[in-house]
C-alpha atoms as a PDB file:
ATOM      1  CA  MET A   1     -30.064  10.095  -8.816  1.00  0.00           C
ATOM      2  CA  VAL A   2     -31.410   6.807  -7.467  1.00  0.00           C
ATOM      3  CA  ASN A   3     -33.389   6.943  -4.212  1.00  0.00           C
ATOM      4  CA  ALA A   4     -32.720   3.950  -1.967  1.00  0.00           C
ATOM      5  CA  ALA A   5     -33.652   2.384   1.363  1.00  0.00           C
ATOM      6  CA  VAL A   6     -31.142   0.570   3.571  1.00  0.00           C
ATOM      7  CA  VAL A   7     -32.640  -2.555   5.131  1.00  0.00           C
ATOM      8  CA  GLY A   8     -30.806  -3.746   8.236  1.00  0.00           C
ATOM      9  CA  MET A   9     -29.079  -1.081  10.320  1.00  0.00           C
ATOM     10  CA  GLY A  10     -26.490  -3.185  12.085  1.00  0.00           C
ATOM     11  CA  TRP A  11     -22.715  -2.786  11.781  1.00  0.00           C
ATOM     12  CA  TRP A  12     -22.583  -3.028   7.995  1.00  0.00           C
ATOM     13  CA  GLY A  13     -25.794  -1.119   7.374  1.00  0.00           C
ATOM     14  CA  LYS A  14     -24.285   1.825   9.221  1.00  0.00           C
ATOM     15  CA  GLN A  15     -21.081   1.465   7.205  1.00  0.00           C
ATOM     16  CA  VAL A  16     -23.097   1.657   3.985  1.00  0.00           C
ATOM     17  CA  VAL A  17     -24.780   4.844   5.198  1.00  0.00           C
ATOM     18  CA  ALA A  18     -21.410   6.313   6.180  1.00  0.00           C
ATOM     19  CA  SER A  19     -20.000   5.531   2.733  1.00  0.00           C
ATOM     20  CA  LEU A  20     -22.928   6.977   0.775  1.00  0.00           C
ATOM     21  CA  HIS A  21     -24.653   9.690   2.789  1.00  0.00           C
ATOM     22  CA  GLY A  22     -23.716  13.045   1.274  1.00  0.00           C
ATOM     23  CA  ARG A  23     -20.766  11.487  -0.566  1.00  0.00           C
ATOM     24  CA  THR A  24     -22.199  10.618  -3.973  1.00  0.00           C
ATOM     25  CA  GLU A  25     -24.424  12.276  -6.543  1.00  0.00           C
ATOM     26  CA  LYS A  26     -25.590   8.947  -7.975  1.00  0.00           C
ATOM     27  CA  LEU A  27     -27.468   7.383  -5.065  1.00  0.00           C
ATOM     28  CA  ARG A  28     -29.481   9.054  -2.305  1.00  0.00           C
ATOM     29  CA  LEU A  29     -30.504   7.251   0.895  1.00  0.00           C
ATOM     30  CA  ILE A  30     -33.987   8.293   1.992  1.00  0.00           C
ATOM     31  CA  ARG A  31     -35.254   5.415   4.168  1.00  0.00           C
ATOM     32  CA  ALA A  32     -33.964   2.860   6.661  1.00  0.00           C
ATOM     33  CA  VAL A  33     -35.525  -0.323   7.976  1.00  0.00           C
ATOM     34  CA  ASP A  34     -34.594  -2.288  11.075  1.00  0.00           C
ATOM     35  CA  VAL A  35     -36.581  -4.810  13.091  1.00  0.00           C
ATOM     36  CA  ASN A  36     -35.313  -3.068  16.242  1.00  0.00           C
ATOM     37  CA  PRO A  37     -35.452   0.626  15.307  1.00  0.00           C
ATOM     38  CA  GLY A  38     -34.940   2.122  18.775  1.00  0.00           C
ATOM     39  CA  PRO A  39     -31.136   1.892  19.000  1.00  0.00           C
ATOM     40  CA  VAL A  40     -30.636   3.414  15.523  1.00  0.00           C
ATOM     41  CA  ALA A  41     -33.342   6.097  15.656  1.00  0.00           C
ATOM     42  CA  GLU A  42     -30.945   8.941  16.463  1.00  0.00           C
ATOM     43  CA  PHE A  43     -28.425   7.770  13.861  1.00  0.00           C
ATOM     44  CA  CYS A  44     -31.117   7.794  11.155  1.00  0.00           C
ATOM     45  CA  GLU A  45     -32.688  11.085  12.253  1.00  0.00           C
ATOM     46  CA  GLU A  46     -29.330  12.848  12.049  1.00  0.00           C
ATOM     47  CA  ARG A  47     -29.026  11.737   8.413  1.00  0.00           C
ATOM     48  CA  GLY A  48     -32.581  12.487   7.397  1.00  0.00           C
ATOM     49  CA  LEU A  49     -33.594   8.848   6.932  1.00  0.00           C
ATOM     50  CA  VAL A  50     -37.203   7.837   7.495  1.00  0.00           C
ATOM     51  CA  LEU A  51     -36.940   4.831   9.820  1.00  0.00           C
ATOM     52  CA  SER A  52     -39.426   2.016  10.286  1.00  0.00           C
ATOM     53  CA  ALA A  53     -39.461  -1.582  11.486  1.00  0.00           C
ATOM     54  CA  ASP A  54     -41.401  -3.016   8.538  1.00  0.00           C
ATOM     55  CA  TYR A  55     -39.638  -3.891   5.273  1.00  0.00           C
ATOM     56  CA  GLN A  56     -42.944  -3.480   3.471  1.00  0.00           C
ATOM     57  CA  ASP A  57     -42.886   0.250   4.236  1.00  0.00           C
ATOM     58  CA  ALA A  58     -39.878   0.653   1.946  1.00  0.00           C
ATOM     59  CA  LEU A  59     -41.447  -1.512  -0.751  1.00  0.00           C
ATOM     60  CA  ASP A  60     -44.683   0.504  -0.645  1.00  0.00           C
ATOM     61  CA  ASP A  61     -42.858   3.844  -0.902  1.00  0.00           C
ATOM     62  CA  ALA A  62     -43.147   4.992  -4.534  1.00  0.00           C
ATOM     63  CA  SER A  63     -40.175   7.332  -4.080  1.00  0.00           C
ATOM     64  CA  VAL A  64     -37.850   4.384  -3.302  1.00  0.00           C
ATOM     65  CA  ALA A  65     -36.296   2.978  -6.489  1.00  0.00           C
ATOM     66  CA  ALA A  66     -33.887   0.513  -4.863  1.00  0.00           C
ATOM     67  CA  VAL A  67     -33.366  -1.387  -1.631  1.00  0.00           C
ATOM     68  CA  ILE A  68     -30.008  -2.251  -0.083  1.00  0.00           C
ATOM     69  CA  LEU A  69     -30.158  -5.486   1.916  1.00  0.00           C
ATOM     70  CA  CYS A  70     -27.751  -5.579   4.887  1.00  0.00           C
ATOM     71  CA  THR A  71     -29.654  -8.384   6.551  1.00  0.00           C
ATOM     72  CA  PRO A  72     -29.021 -11.939   7.837  1.00  0.00           C
ATOM     73  CA  HIS A  73     -28.039 -14.302   5.051  1.00  0.00           C
ATOM     74  CA  LEU A  74     -31.013 -16.636   5.292  1.00  0.00           C
ATOM     75  CA  ALA A  75     -33.367 -13.686   4.704  1.00  0.00           C
ATOM     76  CA  HIS A  76     -31.837 -12.685   1.369  1.00  0.00           C
ATOM     77  CA  GLU A  77     -33.816 -14.898  -0.992  1.00  0.00           C
ATOM     78  CA  GLU A  78     -37.231 -13.854   0.334  1.00  0.00           C
ATOM     79  CA  GLN A  79     -36.279 -10.187   0.574  1.00  0.00           C
ATOM     80  CA  VAL A  80     -34.862 -10.120  -2.959  1.00  0.00           C
ATOM     81  CA  ALA A  81     -38.031 -11.748  -4.290  1.00  0.00           C
ATOM     82  CA  ARG A  82     -40.282  -9.265  -2.476  1.00  0.00           C
ATOM     83  CA  ALA A  83     -38.271  -6.289  -3.715  1.00  0.00           C
ATOM     84  CA  ALA A  84     -38.293  -7.542  -7.303  1.00  0.00           C
ATOM     85  CA  GLY A  85     -42.016  -8.193  -7.040  1.00  0.00           C
ATOM     86  CA  ALA A  86     -42.487  -4.581  -5.965  1.00  0.00           C
ATOM     87  CA  GLY A  87     -40.434  -3.362  -8.935  1.00  0.00           C
ATOM     88  CA  LYS A  88     -37.495  -2.237  -6.808  1.00  0.00           C
ATOM     89  CA  HIS A  89     -33.897  -2.671  -7.876  1.00  0.00           C
ATOM     90  CA  VAL A  90     -31.970  -4.756  -5.335  1.00  0.00           C
ATOM     91  CA  PHE A  91     -28.472  -4.478  -3.912  1.00  0.00           C
ATOM     92  CA  CYS A  92     -27.854  -7.560  -1.772  1.00  0.00           C
ATOM     93  CA  GLU A  93     -24.924  -7.809   0.580  1.00  0.00           C
ATOM     94  CA  LYS A  94     -22.962 -11.013   0.174  1.00  0.00           C
ATOM     95  CA  PRO A  95     -23.618 -13.855   0.079  1.00  0.00           C
ATOM     96  CA  LEU A  96     -26.507 -13.728  -2.369  1.00  0.00           C
ATOM     97  CA  GLY A  97     -27.650 -17.069  -0.930  1.00  0.00           C
ATOM     98  CA  LEU A  98     -26.329 -20.084   0.914  1.00  0.00           C
ATOM     99  CA  THR A  99     -27.126 -22.559  -1.867  1.00  0.00           C
ATOM    100  CA  ARG A 100     -26.886 -22.427  -5.625  1.00  0.00           C
ATOM    101  CA  THR A 101     -30.632 -23.040  -5.860  1.00  0.00           C
ATOM    102  CA  SER A 102     -31.324 -20.004  -3.690  1.00  0.00           C
ATOM    103  CA  ALA A 103     -29.025 -17.826  -5.799  1.00  0.00           C
ATOM    104  CA  VAL A 104     -30.738 -18.973  -8.994  1.00  0.00           C
ATOM    105  CA  ARG A 105     -34.137 -18.031  -7.559  1.00  0.00           C
ATOM    106  CA  SER A 106     -32.941 -14.527  -6.668  1.00  0.00           C
ATOM    107  CA  VAL A 107     -31.353 -13.981 -10.069  1.00  0.00           C
ATOM    108  CA  GLU A 108     -34.462 -15.218 -11.866  1.00  0.00           C
ATOM    109  CA  ALA A 109     -36.764 -13.051  -9.730  1.00  0.00           C
ATOM    110  CA  CYS A 110     -34.829  -9.934 -10.731  1.00  0.00           C
ATOM    111  CA  GLN A 111     -34.631 -10.993 -14.367  1.00  0.00           C
ATOM    112  CA  MET A 112     -38.391 -11.539 -14.555  1.00  0.00           C
ATOM    113  CA  ALA A 113     -39.072  -8.180 -12.907  1.00  0.00           C
ATOM    114  CA  GLY A 114     -36.564  -6.345 -15.106  1.00  0.00           C
ATOM    115  CA  VAL A 115     -34.679  -4.879 -12.135  1.00  0.00           C
ATOM    116  CA  VAL A 116     -30.945  -4.638 -11.536  1.00  0.00           C
ATOM    117  CA  LEU A 117     -29.431  -7.020  -8.989  1.00  0.00           C
ATOM    118  CA  GLY A 118     -26.334  -5.644  -7.258  1.00  0.00           C
ATOM    119  CA  ILE A 119     -24.001  -7.569  -4.963  1.00  0.00           C
ATOM    120  CA  GLY A 120     -21.727  -6.486  -2.111  1.00  0.00           C
ATOM    121  CA  HIS A 121     -18.381  -7.606  -3.510  1.00  0.00           C
ATOM    122  CA  GLU A 122     -16.571  -4.284  -3.444  1.00  0.00           C
ATOM    123  CA  ARG A 123     -13.116  -5.858  -3.735  1.00  0.00           C
ATOM    124  CA  ARG A 124     -13.500  -5.907  -7.525  1.00  0.00           C
ATOM    125  CA  TYR A 125     -13.301  -2.114  -7.406  1.00  0.00           C
ATOM    126  CA  GLU A 126     -10.164  -1.835  -5.263  1.00  0.00           C
ATOM    127  CA  THR A 127      -7.358  -0.089  -7.138  1.00  0.00           C
ATOM    128  CA  ALA A 128      -4.751  -2.819  -6.706  1.00  0.00           C
ATOM    129  CA  MET A 129      -7.211  -5.585  -7.612  1.00  0.00           C
ATOM    130  CA  GLU A 130      -8.237  -3.753 -10.771  1.00  0.00           C
ATOM    131  CA  GLU A 131      -4.578  -3.493 -11.737  1.00  0.00           C
ATOM    132  CA  ILE A 132      -4.096  -7.245 -11.246  1.00  0.00           C
ATOM    133  CA  LYS A 133      -7.051  -7.896 -13.551  1.00  0.00           C
ATOM    134  CA  ARG A 134      -5.570  -5.514 -16.144  1.00  0.00           C
ATOM    135  CA  LEU A 135      -2.209  -7.304 -16.006  1.00  0.00           C
ATOM    136  CA  ILE A 136      -3.864 -10.694 -16.457  1.00  0.00           C
ATOM    137  CA  GLU A 137      -6.036  -9.561 -19.360  1.00  0.00           C
ATOM    138  CA  GLY A 138      -3.106  -7.762 -20.979  1.00  0.00           C
ATOM    139  CA  GLY A 139      -0.993 -10.925 -20.949  1.00  0.00           C
ATOM    140  CA  ARG A 140       1.740  -9.484 -18.716  1.00  0.00           C
ATOM    141  CA  LEU A 141       1.771 -12.589 -16.526  1.00  0.00           C
ATOM    142  CA  GLY A 142       1.765 -15.084 -19.389  1.00  0.00           C
ATOM    143  CA  THR A 143      -0.167 -18.294 -18.789  1.00  0.00           C
ATOM    144  CA  ILE A 144      -1.844 -18.142 -15.376  1.00  0.00           C
ATOM    145  CA  MET A 145      -0.669 -21.017 -13.212  1.00  0.00           C
ATOM    146  CA  HIS A 146      -1.960 -20.403  -9.689  1.00  0.00           C
ATOM    147  CA  VAL A 147      -3.693 -17.907  -7.388  1.00  0.00           C
ATOM    148  CA  GLU A 148      -3.603 -17.711  -3.623  1.00  0.00           C
ATOM    149  CA  SER A 149      -5.129 -15.297  -1.159  1.00  0.00           C
ATOM    150  CA  ASN A 150      -5.903 -14.561   2.463  1.00  0.00           C
ATOM    151  CA  PHE A 151      -8.513 -12.269   3.997  1.00  0.00           C
ATOM    152  CA  SER A 152      -8.464 -12.394   7.795  1.00  0.00           C
ATOM    153  CA  HIS A 153      -9.345 -10.247  10.807  1.00  0.00           C
ATOM    154  CA  ASP A 154     -10.445 -10.501  14.436  1.00  0.00           C
ATOM    155  CA  ARG A 155     -13.475  -8.235  14.427  1.00  0.00           C
ATOM    156  CA  PHE A 156     -15.856 -10.976  15.516  1.00  0.00           C
ATOM    157  CA  VAL A 157     -13.802 -12.292  18.418  1.00  0.00           C
ATOM    158  CA  GLY A 158     -15.964 -12.090  21.517  1.00  0.00           C
ATOM    159  CA  MET A 159     -19.139 -11.644  19.490  1.00  0.00           C
ATOM    160  CA  PRO A 160     -22.246 -12.604  21.511  1.00  0.00           C
ATOM    161  CA  LEU A 161     -23.356 -16.059  20.494  1.00  0.00           C
ATOM    162  CA  ASP A 162     -26.925 -14.831  19.982  1.00  0.00           C
ATOM    163  CA  ASN A 163     -25.716 -12.543  17.158  1.00  0.00           C
ATOM    164  CA  TRP A 164     -26.816 -13.919  13.787  1.00  0.00           C
ATOM    165  CA  ARG A 165     -23.241 -13.724  12.479  1.00  0.00           C
ATOM    166  CA  ALA A 166     -22.301 -16.343  15.087  1.00  0.00           C
ATOM    167  CA  ASP A 167     -25.050 -18.715  13.932  1.00  0.00           C
ATOM    168  CA  GLU A 168     -23.562 -21.663  12.046  1.00  0.00           C
ATOM    169  CA  HIS A 169     -26.719 -21.841   9.910  1.00  0.00           C
ATOM    170  CA  GLN A 170     -26.413 -18.180   8.874  1.00  0.00           C
ATOM    171  CA  ALA A 171     -22.620 -18.115   8.598  1.00  0.00           C
ATOM    172  CA  PRO A 172     -21.226 -21.626   8.089  1.00  0.00           C
ATOM    173  CA  ALA A 173     -17.611 -22.642   7.391  1.00  0.00           C
ATOM    174  CA  ALA A 174     -15.881 -20.159   9.696  1.00  0.00           C
ATOM    175  CA  GLY A 175     -14.997 -16.965   7.788  1.00  0.00           C
ATOM    176  CA  MET A 176     -16.345 -18.060   4.425  1.00  0.00           C
ATOM    177  CA  THR A 177     -19.459 -15.851   4.367  1.00  0.00           C
ATOM    178  CA  GLY A 178     -17.708 -12.857   5.894  1.00  0.00           C
ATOM    179  CA  MET A 179     -14.389 -12.953   4.076  1.00  0.00           C
ATOM    180  CA  GLY A 180     -13.701 -15.960   1.883  1.00  0.00           C
ATOM    181  CA  ILE A 181     -16.587 -15.378  -0.488  1.00  0.00           C
ATOM    182  CA  HIS A 182     -15.023 -12.051  -1.518  1.00  0.00           C
ATOM    183  CA  LEU A 183     -11.925 -13.976  -2.587  1.00  0.00           C
ATOM    184  CA  THR A 184     -13.849 -16.536  -4.625  1.00  0.00           C
ATOM    185  CA  ASP A 185     -15.661 -13.698  -6.401  1.00  0.00           C
ATOM    186  CA  SER A 186     -12.278 -12.250  -7.379  1.00  0.00           C
ATOM    187  CA  TYR A 187     -11.153 -15.695  -8.560  1.00  0.00           C
ATOM    188  CA  ILE A 188     -14.164 -15.945 -10.856  1.00  0.00           C
ATOM    189  CA  ASP A 189     -13.640 -12.402 -12.131  1.00  0.00           C
ATOM    190  CA  MET A 190      -9.962 -12.897 -12.952  1.00  0.00           C
ATOM    191  CA  LEU A 191      -9.498 -16.598 -13.658  1.00  0.00           C
ATOM    192  CA  GLY A 192     -12.941 -17.840 -14.715  1.00  0.00           C
ATOM    193  CA  PRO A 193     -15.004 -20.824 -13.572  1.00  0.00           C
ATOM    194  CA  VAL A 194     -13.967 -23.233 -10.808  1.00  0.00           C
ATOM    195  CA  THR A 195     -14.572 -26.955 -11.372  1.00  0.00           C
ATOM    196  CA  GLU A 196     -13.510 -28.520  -8.053  1.00  0.00           C
ATOM    197  CA  VAL A 197     -12.812 -27.526  -4.449  1.00  0.00           C
ATOM    198  CA  SER A 198     -11.324 -29.208  -1.409  1.00  0.00           C
ATOM    199  CA  ALA A 199     -11.798 -27.498   1.955  1.00  0.00           C
ATOM    200  CA  ILE A 200     -11.188 -27.843   5.678  1.00  0.00           C
ATOM    201  CA  THR A 201     -12.311 -25.799   8.668  1.00  0.00           C
ATOM    202  CA  ALA A 202     -11.021 -25.604  12.227  1.00  0.00           C
ATOM    203  CA  LYS A 203     -12.158 -24.233  15.571  1.00  0.00           C
ATOM    204  CA  ARG A 204      -9.202 -22.951  17.571  1.00  0.00           C
ATOM    205  CA  VAL A 205     -10.169 -20.144  19.943  1.00  0.00           C
ATOM    206  CA  VAL A 206     -13.576 -18.639  19.179  1.00  0.00           C
ATOM    207  CA  GLU A 207     -16.788 -19.971  20.688  1.00  0.00           C
ATOM    208  CA  MET A 208     -18.726 -19.651  17.438  1.00  0.00           C
ATOM    209  CA  PRO A 209     -19.893 -23.136  16.350  1.00  0.00           C
ATOM    210  CA  ALA A 210     -18.726 -22.655  12.742  1.00  0.00           C
ATOM    211  CA  GLY A 211     -15.104 -22.223  13.835  1.00  0.00           C
ATOM    212  CA  ASP A 212     -12.445 -19.617  13.076  1.00  0.00           C
ATOM    213  CA  ILE A 213     -10.389 -21.003  10.156  1.00  0.00           C
ATOM    214  CA  VAL A 214     -11.375 -22.029   6.639  1.00  0.00           C
ATOM    215  CA  ALA A 215      -8.869 -23.105   3.997  1.00  0.00           C
ATOM    216  CA  ALA A 216      -9.709 -24.300   0.489  1.00  0.00           C
ATOM    217  CA  GLN A 217      -7.971 -25.456  -2.671  1.00  0.00           C
ATOM    218  CA  PHE A 218      -9.371 -24.905  -6.160  1.00  0.00           C
ATOM    219  CA  ARG A 219      -9.108 -26.297  -9.650  1.00  0.00           C
ATOM    220  CA  PHE A 220     -10.182 -23.952 -12.440  1.00  0.00           C
ATOM    221  CA  ALA A 221     -11.692 -24.907 -15.787  1.00  0.00           C
ATOM    222  CA  SER A 222      -8.572 -23.406 -17.377  1.00  0.00           C
ATOM    223  CA  GLY A 223      -6.358 -25.911 -15.568  1.00  0.00           C
ATOM    224  CA  ALA A 224      -4.977 -23.354 -13.102  1.00  0.00           C
ATOM    225  CA  THR A 225      -5.053 -24.037  -9.363  1.00  0.00           C
ATOM    226  CA  GLY A 226      -5.762 -21.869  -6.351  1.00  0.00           C
ATOM    227  CA  TYR A 227      -5.832 -21.608  -2.585  1.00  0.00           C
ATOM    228  CA  LEU A 228      -7.516 -19.344  -0.041  1.00  0.00           C
ATOM    229  CA  CYS A 229      -7.538 -18.931   3.722  1.00  0.00           C
ATOM    230  CA  ALA A 230      -9.741 -16.853   6.025  1.00  0.00           C
ATOM    231  CA  ILE A 231      -9.097 -16.595   9.763  1.00  0.00           C
ATOM    232  CA  SER A 232     -11.565 -15.005  12.174  1.00  0.00           C
ATOM    233  CA  ALA A 233      -9.159 -14.624  15.103  1.00  0.00           C
ATOM    234  CA  THR A 234      -6.044 -12.754  13.974  1.00  0.00           C
ATOM    235  CA  PRO A 235      -5.147  -9.083  13.364  1.00  0.00           C
ATOM    236  CA  TYR A 236      -6.153  -7.767   9.951  1.00  0.00           C
ATOM    237  CA  TYR A 237      -4.347  -9.330   7.014  1.00  0.00           C
ATOM    238  CA  ALA A 238      -5.167  -9.314   3.309  1.00  0.00           C
ATOM    239  CA  ARG A 239      -3.093 -10.636   0.409  1.00  0.00           C
ATOM    240  CA  PHE A 240      -3.935 -11.670  -3.152  1.00  0.00           C
ATOM    241  CA  THR A 241      -1.253 -13.196  -5.405  1.00  0.00           C
ATOM    242  CA  VAL A 242      -1.433 -14.452  -8.990  1.00  0.00           C
ATOM    243  CA  PHE A 243       1.406 -16.496 -10.518  1.00  0.00           C
ATOM    244  CA  GLY A 244       2.004 -16.780 -14.260  1.00  0.00           C
ATOM    245  CA  THR A 245       4.709 -18.088 -16.556  1.00  0.00           C
ATOM    246  CA  ASP A 246       5.967 -14.552 -17.272  1.00  0.00           C
ATOM    247  CA  GLY A 247       5.625 -13.024 -13.821  1.00  0.00           C
ATOM    248  CA  TRP A 248       3.692 -12.733 -10.610  1.00  0.00           C
ATOM    249  CA  VAL A 249       1.770  -9.941  -8.921  1.00  0.00           C
ATOM    250  CA  GLU A 250       0.634  -9.445  -5.347  1.00  0.00           C
ATOM    251  CA  ALA A 251      -1.790  -6.995  -3.716  1.00  0.00           C
ATOM    252  CA  SER A 252      -1.843  -6.283   0.014  1.00  0.00           C
ATOM    253  CA  ASP A 253      -3.862  -3.913   2.209  1.00  0.00           C
ATOM    254  CA  ASP A 254      -3.014  -1.998   5.374  1.00  0.00           C
ATOM    255  CA  ALA A 255      -6.498  -1.984   6.876  1.00  0.00           C
ATOM    256  CA  HIS A 256     -10.040  -3.286   6.571  1.00  0.00           C
ATOM    257  CA  PRO A 257     -11.953  -1.595   3.700  1.00  0.00           C
ATOM    258  CA  ASP A 258     -14.210   0.368   6.075  1.00  0.00           C
ATOM    259  CA  GLU A 259     -11.154   1.940   7.759  1.00  0.00           C
ATOM    260  CA  GLY A 260      -9.337   3.193   4.685  1.00  0.00           C
ATOM    261  CA  GLY A 261      -5.616   2.642   4.554  1.00  0.00           C
ATOM    262  CA  GLU A 262      -3.198   2.267   1.680  1.00  0.00           C
ATOM    263  CA  SER A 263      -2.937  -0.746  -0.596  1.00  0.00           C
ATOM    264  CA  HIS A 264       0.213  -1.982  -2.279  1.00  0.00           C
ATOM    265  CA  LEU A 265       0.994  -3.825  -5.493  1.00  0.00           C
ATOM    266  CA  MET A 266       4.210  -5.780  -6.067  1.00  0.00           C
ATOM    267  CA  PHE A 267       5.039  -7.009  -9.582  1.00  0.00           C
ATOM    268  CA  CYS A 268       7.861  -9.303 -10.631  1.00  0.00           C
ATOM    269  CA  GLY A 269       8.552 -10.094 -14.293  1.00  0.00           C
ATOM    270  CA  LYS A 270      10.811 -12.663 -15.925  1.00  0.00           C
ATOM    271  CA  ASP A 271      13.822 -10.440 -15.258  1.00  0.00           C
ATOM    272  CA  GLY A 272      13.317 -10.997 -11.522  1.00  0.00           C
ATOM    273  CA  VAL A 273      13.072  -7.275 -10.798  1.00  0.00           C
ATOM    274  CA  ARG A 274      10.388  -6.387  -8.252  1.00  0.00           C
ATOM    275  CA  SER A 275       8.523  -3.094  -8.411  1.00  0.00           C
ATOM    276  CA  VAL A 276       6.098  -1.762  -5.800  1.00  0.00           C
ATOM    277  CA  THR A 277       3.239   0.673  -6.332  1.00  0.00           C
ATOM    278  CA  ASP A 278       1.402   2.236  -3.388  1.00  0.00           C
ATOM    279  CA  TYR A 279      -2.222   3.352  -3.712  1.00  0.00           C
ATOM    280  CA  GLN A 280      -4.016   5.898  -1.556  1.00  0.00           C
ATOM    281  CA  PRO A 281      -7.192   4.890   0.331  1.00  0.00           C
ATOM    282  CA  PHE A 282     -10.122   4.407  -2.019  1.00  0.00           C
ATOM    283  CA  ASP A 283     -13.777   3.788  -1.129  1.00  0.00           C
ATOM    284  CA  ALA A 284     -14.484   0.645  -3.143  1.00  0.00           C
ATOM    285  CA  VAL A 285     -17.792   0.202  -1.325  1.00  0.00           C
ATOM    286  CA  ARG A 286     -19.049   3.498  -2.741  1.00  0.00           C
ATOM    287  CA  ALA A 287     -17.639   2.659  -6.180  1.00  0.00           C
ATOM    288  CA  ASN A 288     -19.690  -0.544  -6.259  1.00  0.00           C
ATOM    289  CA  PHE A 289     -22.869   1.301  -5.301  1.00  0.00           C
ATOM    290  CA  GLU A 290     -22.233   3.972  -7.905  1.00  0.00           C
ATOM    291  CA  ALA A 291     -21.802   1.263 -10.555  1.00  0.00           C
ATOM    292  CA  PHE A 292     -25.113  -0.217  -9.385  1.00  0.00           C
ATOM    293  CA  ALA A 293     -26.776   3.200  -9.769  1.00  0.00           C
ATOM    294  CA  ASP A 294     -25.229   3.634 -13.241  1.00  0.00           C
ATOM    295  CA  ALA A 295     -26.726   0.292 -14.288  1.00  0.00           C
ATOM    296  CA  ILE A 296     -30.157   1.303 -12.976  1.00  0.00           C
ATOM    297  CA  GLU A 297     -30.102   4.531 -14.955  1.00  0.00           C
ATOM    298  CA  GLY A 298     -28.718   2.876 -18.092  1.00  0.00           C
ATOM    299  CA  ARG A 299     -25.333   4.593 -18.091  1.00  0.00           C
ATOM    300  CA  ALA A 300     -23.340   1.338 -18.034  1.00  0.00           C
ATOM    301  CA  SER A 301     -23.714  -2.400 -17.613  1.00  0.00           C
ATOM    302  CA  TYR A 302     -23.149  -3.790 -14.135  1.00  0.00           C
ATOM    303  CA  ARG A 303     -19.814  -5.577 -13.825  1.00  0.00           C
ATOM    304  CA  PHE A 304     -21.209  -8.748 -12.247  1.00  0.00           C
ATOM    305  CA  THR A 305     -22.963 -11.175 -14.579  1.00  0.00           C
ATOM    306  CA  ASN A 306     -25.814 -13.356 -13.414  1.00  0.00           C
ATOM    307  CA  GLU A 307     -23.714 -16.423 -14.221  1.00  0.00           C
ATOM    308  CA  GLN A 308     -20.950 -15.164 -11.925  1.00  0.00           C
ATOM    309  CA  LEU A 309     -23.392 -14.435  -9.108  1.00  0.00           C
ATOM    310  CA  ILE A 310     -24.726 -17.982  -9.277  1.00  0.00           C
ATOM    311  CA  HIS A 311     -21.322 -19.613  -9.762  1.00  0.00           C
ATOM    312  CA  ASN A 312     -19.879 -17.949  -6.662  1.00  0.00           C
ATOM    313  CA  ILE A 313     -22.618 -19.453  -4.511  1.00  0.00           C
ATOM    314  CA  ALA A 314     -22.106 -22.825  -6.197  1.00  0.00           C
ATOM    315  CA  ILE A 315     -18.434 -22.624  -5.144  1.00  0.00           C
ATOM    316  CA  PHE A 316     -19.473 -21.654  -1.618  1.00  0.00           C
ATOM    317  CA  GLU A 317     -21.866 -24.604  -1.401  1.00  0.00           C
ATOM    318  CA  ALA A 318     -19.156 -26.975  -2.644  1.00  0.00           C
ATOM    319  CA  ILE A 319     -16.756 -25.657   0.023  1.00  0.00           C
ATOM    320  CA  LEU A 320     -19.343 -26.407   2.716  1.00  0.00           C
ATOM    321  CA  LYS A 321     -19.832 -29.940   1.414  1.00  0.00           C
ATOM    322  CA  SER A 322     -16.099 -30.566   1.162  1.00  0.00           C
ATOM    323  CA  ALA A 323     -15.478 -29.337   4.717  1.00  0.00           C
ATOM    324  CA  GLU A 324     -18.277 -31.576   5.983  1.00  0.00           C
ATOM    325  CA  THR A 325     -17.254 -34.709   4.084  1.00  0.00           C
ATOM    326  CA  GLY A 326     -13.474 -34.353   3.879  1.00  0.00           C
ATOM    327  CA  ARG A 327     -13.604 -35.014   0.139  1.00  0.00           C
ATOM    328  CA  PRO A 328     -13.056 -32.912  -3.023  1.00  0.00           C
ATOM    329  CA  ILE A 329     -16.366 -31.679  -4.394  1.00  0.00           C
ATOM    330  CA  ALA A 330     -17.209 -30.857  -8.019  1.00  0.00           C
ATOM    331  CA  VAL A 331     -18.670 -27.375  -8.512  1.00  0.00           C
ATOM    332  CA  LEU A 332     -21.982 -27.715 -10.327  1.00  0.00           C
END
């Protein structure tokens, strides 16, 4: 079992604890770190977590094998480097960085230290998404023509503007860091590298400077095209559709991943017949962490390659540039 410390005990840090504490035999949470420990002291005490305000405390603890970073985005690069330097495996919540250069530095720091770098893209482990990947790889859809997706919710409506998630420097391009970057990770996983993006953002109702809508178009190295949208001011909605010459397939979810809820898969082949499969709630967050722990202990390779980690941030950076300039941007 891998002993770990959760760094950052805000909304998502607590969700990570809820997903893992007492629910897995592969990873054990023993410490927590938060710059403002007072409000989370009782929460941590109830779960047996040693709480402190200093990140270095977790890095100095010889019993901690891994750190889980649920911290503001601009802190990730430094925190990854410090963890790797201390010989700790690192699970970093998305995004790994806000520029390709930053992502490269984090990947290289972990490579040099010989530690595993995990990433918070749990959607790869969702049952319906795994089935879409299987259908693509098995040739059931024929030649892949196009992918389109939407991941939207209204959880951040009314968020205080002094919250880091409302900071346009920490979370630029509307819902891209919170939602859209999950979709681009799935694009890379299923369809391969992206060569060009064209994006727009809009500010309709929220006060957050970065706005509440991001929409982007993609060209893949394969020649396929794609589209995504993320809205930060609408009831929960999630859809992921892949179109091929021999059929199409679509996944949809009933609720945000931290709430559970069923997911659904619709498949249509060349005969035009549509079939629907319903899947029971599945904790993809925990599945990702367990895969991270398996990689640490040498039981299996981690599903995310370093090239994919870097490429996803390169796509993100290109989306920012396209939204700012109004022009298509090549993904480097």
